[in-house]
Amino acid sequence: RYLLAGVTGTYARTILDQPGEEDIDPDTLLPFLHLCTTPSFLLLGTQRRLFFNDSFQLLTQADISFIGYPLAQLGLTDILSSAENLSPAAPQKSCLWQWRHQLLHCNLQSMGHTDASCPAVFGSVVIADEQTANNSESSPEFMRMVEQAPVGIAVFRGPSLIAELANEQYLALIKRKKEEFVNKPLFESLPEVRTSIEGILDNLLQTGKPFKASDFHVPLMRNGQIQSAYFNFIYQPVSNSRQEIDGFMVVVTEVTDSFLASHQLKESEARFKKMVMDSPIPMAIFRGPEHIVEMANRQMFENIWRRKESEVLGKRIDDVFPELRNQKYMELLDHVYQQGIVHTEKESVAFVEGSTGMQRFYLDFEYAALKDHEDNVYGIMV
């Protein structure tokens, strides 16, 4: 199974397992797409279903829910005529693709057959090539794509990494004006980032291998003070007319807010779990609608369940204790999870089978629905 922006090769095989499309092998094509460092996509099947890699998603801000859907259903049919015109005699073609509010310069290439029975088309977005990087004015389509992109894009060249171009989104991220940044060395304009990225860039320029990072921390001078910022980005090497790597392009988006929110959530969860484990009363956390036992403290294991952790954790509570199915507790758990409420009872009778056999308990208990930051129920605290 190949994870590709949240969609597996198994899923691709399912949607392509149709008459006339048996020769398409997503288990081969999707890993190939995932390994591409440039923004790339595949149009598969007679309905031209769309698959793309992380670089394409970062550049276009495409919703990953687009993956696997026909272009016609997504309203992205601009490229269809170019894809249909590929043939054994002309297996490659350049074209422009109107992607929402962006104009993408794409190179298309047929993969295997291109007749109606088994079409597979590979595409890559041209971000910066020899012509556009050295003479951007000669490629208005490229410049328009860069400016319209919903992400930051910049190109740096030469030993001093002179900024040849930077779109408004990139300048907004670094809080610099165009005249302060373009045509100046990178580390002269942003000296605070040298420690974080200089080694990465040296390796990229020496090896020609692109570099990709998520939730990458960079200190940035903003509004007169150093601030911690987090980014998802791709560094892509670019070459000169002699095919020598002499610079790089960056496609970047800031994720500081989501990173900090995620970090705070993890800290909150850690404190919550510590509270559960340190509690002097029996406590447990069930995850999901099937009530999987995620954690429980020593008092619960020793005094109520009388089971080892290995017998319980990661399993459905009613698989571990099937006797609960003939009592009211499973229905109560379902009700609390579905309604997102708290249910409390006093002196409730429960029969639980543990290492010492079936035992009757009289319990004061509470089932409390656990919710995430979007108010969605994800579990129950017992």
Protein backbone atom coordinates (compact mmCIF):
# COMPACT_ATOMS: atom_id res chain seq x y z
CA ARG A 1 0.00 0.00 0.00
CA TYR A 2 1.50 3.31 -1.04
CA LEU A 3 0.45 6.41 0.87
CA LEU A 4 -0.02 9.23 -1.62
CA ALA A 5 -1.49 12.38 -0.05
CA GLY A 6 -3.84 10.20 1.94
CA VAL A 7 -4.89 7.89 -0.91
CA THR A 8 -3.57 4.34 -1.25
CA GLY A 9 -2.62 2.28 -4.24
CA THR A 10 -5.30 -0.15 -3.15
CA TYR A 11 -7.92 2.57 -3.58
CA ALA A 12 -6.55 3.44 -7.00
CA ARG A 13 -6.73 -0.20 -8.03
CA THR A 14 -10.34 -0.37 -6.91
CA ILE A 15 -11.51 2.62 -8.93
CA LEU A 16 -9.53 1.54 -11.99
CA ASP A 17 -10.64 -2.08 -11.90
CA GLN A 18 -13.10 -1.59 -14.74
CA PRO A 19 -13.50 -3.18 -18.19
CA GLY A 20 -10.99 -1.74 -20.64
CA GLU A 21 -8.67 -0.45 -17.91
CA GLU A 22 -7.13 -3.69 -16.66
CA ASP A 23 -3.67 -2.86 -18.02
CA ILE A 24 -3.24 0.22 -15.82
CA ASP A 25 -1.08 -0.72 -12.85
CA PRO A 26 -1.45 1.88 -10.07
CA ASP A 27 0.90 -0.14 -7.88
CA THR A 28 3.62 0.82 -10.36
CA LEU A 29 2.51 4.29 -11.39
CA LEU A 30 1.64 5.75 -7.98
CA PRO A 31 5.00 5.03 -6.33
CA PHE A 32 6.67 6.56 -9.40
CA LEU A 33 4.53 9.68 -8.97
CA HIS A 34 5.26 9.86 -5.25
CA LEU A 35 9.02 9.75 -5.89
CA CYS A 36 8.89 12.72 -8.29
CA THR A 37 10.27 15.83 -6.63
CA THR A 38 8.71 18.27 -9.10
CA PRO A 39 4.97 19.06 -8.96
CA SER A 40 3.54 16.11 -10.90
CA PHE A 41 0.24 14.40 -11.61
CA LEU A 42 -1.29 11.41 -13.33
CA LEU A 43 -4.48 11.22 -15.38
CA LEU A 44 -5.62 7.63 -15.22
CA GLY A 45 -8.43 5.67 -16.78
CA THR A 46 -10.88 6.58 -19.50
CA GLN A 47 -12.45 9.16 -17.16
CA ARG A 48 -9.05 10.85 -16.60
CA ARG A 49 -9.04 10.44 -12.85
CA LEU A 50 -6.60 12.79 -11.15
CA PHE A 51 -3.73 11.73 -8.88
CA PHE A 52 -0.95 14.08 -7.73
CA ASN A 53 2.09 14.19 -5.46
CA ASP A 54 2.84 16.36 -2.45
CA SER A 55 4.78 18.92 -4.52
CA PHE A 56 1.76 19.48 -6.76
CA GLN A 57 -0.53 19.80 -3.74
CA LEU A 58 1.80 22.34 -2.13
CA LEU A 59 2.06 24.43 -5.32
CA THR A 60 -1.63 24.49 -6.20
CA GLN A 61 -3.11 24.11 -2.69
CA ALA A 62 -5.28 21.37 -4.20
CA ASP A 63 -7.67 19.66 -1.84
CA ILE A 64 -6.51 16.06 -1.32
CA SER A 65 -10.16 15.02 -1.66
CA PHE A 66 -9.71 15.72 -5.42
CA ILE A 67 -7.56 12.60 -5.70
CA GLY A 68 -9.22 9.80 -7.63
CA TYR A 69 -11.97 11.94 -9.16
CA PRO A 70 -12.48 12.54 -12.91
CA LEU A 71 -11.32 15.94 -14.17
CA ALA A 72 -14.80 16.64 -15.55
CA GLN A 73 -16.31 16.18 -12.11
CA LEU A 74 -13.77 18.59 -10.65
CA GLY A 75 -14.34 21.21 -13.35
CA LEU A 76 -10.69 21.05 -14.45
CA THR A 77 -11.20 20.01 -18.07
CA ASP A 78 -8.85 22.59 -19.66
CA ILE A 79 -6.11 20.02 -20.08
CA LEU A 80 -8.25 17.23 -21.53
CA SER A 81 -7.86 18.14 -25.19
CA SER A 82 -4.06 18.16 -24.86
CA ALA A 83 -4.10 14.79 -23.10
CA GLU A 84 -6.38 13.27 -25.74
CA ASN A 85 -4.09 14.42 -28.57
CA LEU A 86 -1.14 12.37 -27.32
CA SER A 87 -0.31 9.48 -29.65
CA PRO A 88 2.47 6.93 -30.25
CA ALA A 89 3.81 9.30 -32.88
CA ALA A 90 3.68 12.29 -30.49
CA PRO A 91 3.91 10.93 -26.94
CA GLN A 92 4.98 14.26 -25.40
CA LYS A 93 3.42 17.69 -25.39
CA SER A 94 3.59 21.04 -23.57
CA CYS A 95 0.42 22.88 -22.70
CA LEU A 96 -1.16 25.42 -20.37
CA TRP A 97 -3.67 24.29 -17.75
CA GLN A 98 -6.10 26.70 -16.14
CA TRP A 99 -6.19 25.36 -12.58
CA ARG A 100 -8.79 27.41 -10.76
CA HIS A 101 -7.18 30.85 -10.61
CA GLN A 102 -3.71 29.64 -11.64
CA LEU A 103 -2.26 29.06 -15.08
CA LEU A 104 0.07 26.05 -15.01
CA HIS A 105 2.69 25.38 -17.68
CA CYS A 106 2.69 21.58 -17.99
CA ASN A 107 4.63 18.93 -19.85
CA LEU A 108 2.55 15.84 -20.69
CA GLN A 109 3.82 12.37 -21.54
CA SER A 110 1.91 9.22 -22.40
CA MET A 111 2.64 6.18 -20.27
CA GLY A 112 1.99 2.91 -22.06
CA HIS A 113 -1.01 2.89 -24.37
CA THR A 114 -2.81 6.11 -25.20
CA ASP A 115 -5.79 4.69 -27.01
CA ALA A 116 -9.27 4.73 -25.53
CA SER A 117 -8.89 1.30 -23.94
CA CYS A 118 -5.98 2.11 -21.64
CA PRO A 119 -4.98 5.77 -21.24
CA ALA A 120 -2.39 6.85 -18.71
CA VAL A 121 -0.89 10.34 -18.91
CA PHE A 122 1.93 11.69 -16.73
CA GLY A 123 2.22 15.45 -16.28
CA SER A 124 4.72 17.76 -14.62
CA VAL A 125 4.43 21.47 -13.89
CA VAL A 126 7.28 23.58 -15.24
CA ILE A 127 8.28 25.87 -12.38
CA ALA A 128 11.66 27.15 -13.53
CA ASP A 129 13.73 26.02 -16.47
CA GLU A 130 16.74 27.52 -18.21
CA GLN A 131 14.70 29.99 -20.21
CA THR A 132 12.28 31.14 -17.54
CA ALA A 133 14.85 31.33 -14.77
CA ASN A 134 17.35 33.34 -16.78
CA ASN A 135 14.90 35.48 -18.69
CA SER A 136 11.59 35.54 -16.90
CA GLU A 137 10.27 38.34 -19.09
CA SER A 138 10.35 35.97 -22.09
CA SER A 139 7.82 33.71 -20.37
CA PRO A 140 4.78 35.71 -19.28
CA GLU A 141 2.89 32.48 -18.64
CA PHE A 142 5.52 31.44 -16.11
CA MET A 143 5.50 34.80 -14.35
CA ARG A 144 1.72 34.85 -14.27
CA MET A 145 1.69 31.38 -12.74
CA VAL A 146 4.22 32.44 -10.09
CA GLU A 147 2.28 35.55 -9.15
CA GLN A 148 -1.07 33.74 -9.06
CA ALA A 149 0.20 30.83 -6.99
CA PRO A 150 -1.35 30.71 -3.50
CA VAL A 151 2.07 29.80 -2.06
CA GLY A 152 5.40 31.56 -1.78
CA ILE A 153 7.77 31.02 -4.73
CA ALA A 154 11.30 32.39 -5.16
CA VAL A 155 14.37 31.62 -7.28
CA PHE A 156 17.98 32.13 -6.12
CA ARG A 157 21.12 31.85 -8.26
CA GLY A 158 24.90 32.12 -8.13
CA PRO A 159 27.49 31.59 -5.37
CA SER A 160 25.86 34.31 -3.26
CA LEU A 161 22.33 32.98 -3.94
CA ILE A 162 21.01 36.19 -5.44
CA ALA A 163 17.21 36.41 -5.33
CA GLU A 164 16.20 36.60 -9.01
CA LEU A 165 12.47 36.63 -8.34
CA ALA A 166 10.02 36.35 -5.47
CA ASN A 167 6.25 36.54 -5.67
CA GLU A 168 4.07 38.58 -3.34
CA GLN A 169 3.17 35.53 -1.24
CA TYR A 170 6.85 34.84 -0.56
CA LEU A 171 7.58 38.48 0.30
CA ALA A 172 4.59 38.50 2.66
CA LEU A 173 5.95 35.43 4.48
CA ILE A 174 9.36 36.99 5.11
CA LYS A 175 7.95 40.50 5.73
CA ARG A 176 10.24 42.16 3.17
CA LYS A 177 9.56 44.61 0.36
CA LYS A 178 10.52 43.64 -3.19
CA GLU A 179 13.23 46.28 -3.47
CA GLU A 180 14.72 45.07 -0.18
CA PHE A 181 14.98 41.46 -1.31
CA VAL A 182 15.09 40.87 -5.07
CA ASN A 183 18.56 41.09 -6.68
CA LYS A 184 20.25 40.77 -3.30
CA PRO A 185 22.04 37.81 -1.65
CA LEU A 186 19.78 35.56 0.40
CA PHE A 187 21.82 35.70 3.62
CA GLU A 188 22.31 39.43 3.32
CA SER A 189 18.54 39.95 3.26
CA LEU A 190 17.76 37.18 5.76
CA PRO A 191 20.88 36.69 7.94
CA GLU A 192 18.79 35.10 10.69
CA VAL A 193 18.02 32.01 8.56
CA ARG A 194 21.64 31.11 7.73
CA THR A 195 22.12 28.71 10.65
CA SER A 196 18.89 26.85 9.84
CA ILE A 197 19.27 26.33 6.08
CA GLU A 198 22.84 26.99 4.89
CA GLY A 199 23.91 23.34 5.33
CA ILE A 200 20.80 22.13 3.51
CA LEU A 201 21.44 24.46 0.57
CA ASP A 202 25.13 23.53 0.36
CA ASN A 203 24.17 19.87 0.09
CA LEU A 204 21.45 20.60 -2.48
CA LEU A 205 23.82 22.58 -4.72
CA GLN A 206 26.53 19.91 -4.47
CA THR A 207 24.35 16.84 -5.00
CA GLY A 208 21.48 18.23 -7.09
CA LYS A 209 19.03 16.44 -4.84
CA PRO A 210 15.85 18.35 -3.97
CA PHE A 211 15.00 18.86 -0.31
CA LYS A 212 11.53 18.71 1.18
CA ALA A 213 10.49 19.54 4.76
CA SER A 214 7.34 19.79 6.84
CA ASP A 215 6.84 21.79 10.04
CA PHE A 216 10.38 23.15 9.60
CA HIS A 217 11.39 25.74 12.19
CA VAL A 218 13.02 28.95 10.96
CA PRO A 219 13.67 32.13 13.01
CA LEU A 220 12.57 35.21 11.07
CA MET A 221 12.98 38.91 11.76
CA ARG A 222 9.43 40.25 11.64
CA ASN A 223 8.27 43.63 12.81
CA GLY A 224 11.63 44.35 14.40
CA GLN A 225 11.98 41.14 16.40
CA ILE A 226 12.97 37.52 15.86
CA GLN A 227 9.94 35.24 15.68
CA SER A 228 9.72 31.46 15.49
CA ALA A 229 7.97 30.36 12.30
CA TYR A 230 7.20 26.94 10.84
CA PHE A 231 7.00 26.08 7.14
CA ASN A 232 6.29 23.32 4.64
CA PHE A 233 8.58 23.77 1.65
CA ILE A 234 10.44 22.20 -1.25
CA TYR A 235 13.89 23.28 -2.47
CA GLN A 236 14.34 22.37 -6.14
CA PRO A 237 17.77 22.82 -7.82
CA VAL A 238 17.90 24.77 -11.10
CA SER A 239 20.59 24.64 -13.80
CA ASN A 240 22.27 27.12 -16.13
CA SER A 241 22.80 26.82 -19.90
CA ARG A 242 25.77 24.48 -19.31
CA GLN A 243 23.54 22.14 -17.30
CA GLU A 244 25.40 23.10 -14.12
CA ILE A 245 23.40 23.52 -10.93
CA ASP A 246 23.82 27.13 -9.94
CA GLY A 247 20.77 27.85 -7.80
CA PHE A 248 17.48 26.66 -6.45
CA MET A 249 13.80 27.41 -6.40
CA VAL A 250 11.67 27.30 -3.25
CA VAL A 251 7.93 26.66 -3.00
CA VAL A 252 6.77 27.36 0.55
CA THR A 253 3.72 27.80 2.73
CA GLU A 254 3.62 28.83 6.38
CA VAL A 255 2.07 26.45 8.91
CA THR A 256 2.97 28.23 12.15
CA ASP A 257 -0.60 28.53 13.44
CA SER A 258 -1.50 24.90 12.76
CA PHE A 259 1.84 23.66 14.14
CA LEU A 260 1.45 25.59 17.40
CA ALA A 261 -2.17 24.49 17.74
CA SER A 262 -1.12 20.87 17.22
CA HIS A 263 1.72 21.24 19.71
CA GLN A 264 -0.59 22.76 22.32
CA LEU A 265 -3.10 19.98 21.72
CA LYS A 266 -0.39 17.35 22.26
CA GLU A 267 0.69 19.04 25.48
CA SER A 268 -2.91 19.18 26.65
CA GLU A 269 -3.40 15.50 25.82
CA ALA A 270 -0.22 14.62 27.71
CA ARG A 271 -1.42 16.46 30.81
CA PHE A 272 -4.82 14.80 30.51
CA LYS A 273 -3.32 11.33 30.19
CA LYS A 274 -1.09 11.97 33.20
CA MET A 275 -4.15 12.97 35.19
CA VAL A 276 -5.86 9.70 34.22
CA MET A 277 -2.85 7.55 35.08
CA ASP A 278 -2.25 9.30 38.43
CA SER A 279 -5.90 9.23 39.52
CA PRO A 280 -6.65 7.28 42.74
CA ILE A 281 -9.93 6.06 41.25
CA PRO A 282 -10.27 3.60 38.33
CA MET A 283 -10.22 5.49 35.01
CA ALA A 284 -9.96 4.56 31.33
CA ILE A 285 -10.15 6.12 27.86
CA PHE A 286 -12.04 4.44 25.02
CA ARG A 287 -11.32 5.66 21.48
CA GLY A 288 -13.75 5.77 18.55
CA PRO A 289 -17.27 4.42 18.03
CA GLU A 290 -16.09 0.85 18.62
CA HIS A 291 -14.81 1.80 22.09
CA ILE A 292 -11.20 0.69 21.67
CA VAL A 293 -9.36 0.72 24.99
CA GLU A 294 -6.65 3.35 24.52
CA MET A 295 -5.43 3.61 28.09
CA ALA A 296 -6.37 2.80 31.68
CA ASN A 297 -4.75 3.34 35.06
CA ARG A 298 -3.49 0.75 37.52
CA GLN A 299 -6.61 1.00 39.69
CA MET A 300 -8.81 0.00 36.75
CA PHE A 301 -6.61 -2.94 35.76
CA GLU A 302 -6.15 -4.29 39.27
CA ASN A 303 -9.44 -3.56 41.02
CA ILE A 304 -12.16 -3.77 38.33
CA TRP A 305 -10.90 -5.54 35.22
CA ARG A 306 -8.35 -7.84 36.90
CA ARG A 307 -6.59 -8.22 33.54
CA LYS A 308 -3.09 -7.55 32.17
CA GLU A 309 -2.52 -4.54 29.91
CA SER A 310 -1.62 -6.81 27.00
CA GLU A 311 -5.06 -8.44 27.26
CA VAL A 312 -6.96 -5.16 27.03
CA LEU A 313 -5.14 -2.25 25.38
CA GLY A 314 -5.90 -1.71 21.70
CA LYS A 315 -8.95 -3.97 21.79
CA ARG A 316 -12.71 -3.37 21.81
CA ILE A 317 -13.99 -3.35 25.36
CA ASP A 318 -16.79 -5.82 24.52
CA ASP A 319 -14.31 -8.21 22.90
CA VAL A 320 -12.32 -8.29 26.12
CA PHE A 321 -15.43 -8.43 28.30
CA PRO A 322 -18.17 -10.06 26.16
CA GLU A 323 -20.42 -10.31 29.24
CA LEU A 324 -21.00 -6.54 28.91
CA ARG A 325 -23.06 -7.15 25.75
CA ASN A 326 -25.84 -8.65 27.86
CA GLN A 327 -25.81 -5.69 30.23
CA LYS A 328 -26.74 -2.05 29.71
CA TYR A 329 -23.20 -0.68 29.45
CA MET A 330 -22.50 -1.09 25.74
CA GLU A 331 -25.75 0.66 24.82
CA LEU A 332 -24.88 3.45 27.24
CA LEU A 333 -21.42 3.84 25.66
CA ASP A 334 -22.97 4.05 22.18
CA HIS A 335 -25.49 6.63 23.37
CA VAL A 336 -22.87 8.82 25.04
CA TYR A 337 -20.60 8.67 21.95
CA GLN A 338 -23.39 9.44 19.48
CA GLN A 339 -24.92 12.26 21.52
CA GLY A 340 -21.69 13.73 22.86
CA ILE A 341 -23.00 13.85 26.43
CA VAL A 342 -22.09 12.84 29.99
CA HIS A 343 -23.92 9.96 31.69
CA THR A 344 -23.64 9.36 35.46
CA GLU A 345 -25.09 6.64 37.69
CA LYS A 346 -24.87 5.62 41.36
CA GLU A 347 -24.68 2.11 42.77
CA SER A 348 -25.08 0.45 39.38
CA VAL A 349 -24.71 -3.34 39.29
CA ALA A 350 -22.08 -4.71 36.88
CA PHE A 351 -20.77 -8.22 36.29
CA VAL A 352 -17.15 -8.36 35.09
CA GLU A 353 -15.07 -11.48 34.47
CA GLY A 354 -11.40 -11.21 35.35
CA SER A 355 -8.55 -13.42 36.47
CA THR A 356 -10.48 -14.30 39.66
CA GLY A 357 -13.64 -15.23 37.76
CA MET A 358 -16.97 -13.45 37.36
CA GLN A 359 -17.48 -10.79 39.99
CA ARG A 360 -20.41 -8.51 40.83
CA PHE A 361 -19.67 -4.83 41.44
CA TYR A 362 -21.80 -1.94 42.70
CA LEU A 363 -20.38 1.07 40.91
CA ASP A 364 -20.71 4.83 40.94
CA PHE A 365 -19.57 5.62 37.38
CA GLU A 366 -19.48 8.31 34.74
CA TYR A 367 -19.17 8.11 30.93
CA ALA A 368 -18.01 11.48 29.53
CA ALA A 369 -17.71 12.15 25.78
CA LEU A 370 -14.32 13.51 24.72
CA LYS A 371 -14.30 16.14 21.96
CA ASP A 372 -11.64 17.66 19.75
CA HIS A 373 -11.13 21.37 18.99
CA GLU A 374 -13.87 21.19 16.35
CA ASP A 375 -16.33 19.73 18.86
CA ASN A 376 -16.28 16.28 17.26
CA VAL A 377 -16.54 13.30 19.63
CA TYR A 378 -13.50 11.05 19.42
CA GLY A 379 -13.76 8.95 22.57
CA ILE A 380 -15.16 8.42 26.05
CA MET A 381 -13.59 8.83 29.48
CA VAL A 382 -14.78 6.21 31.99
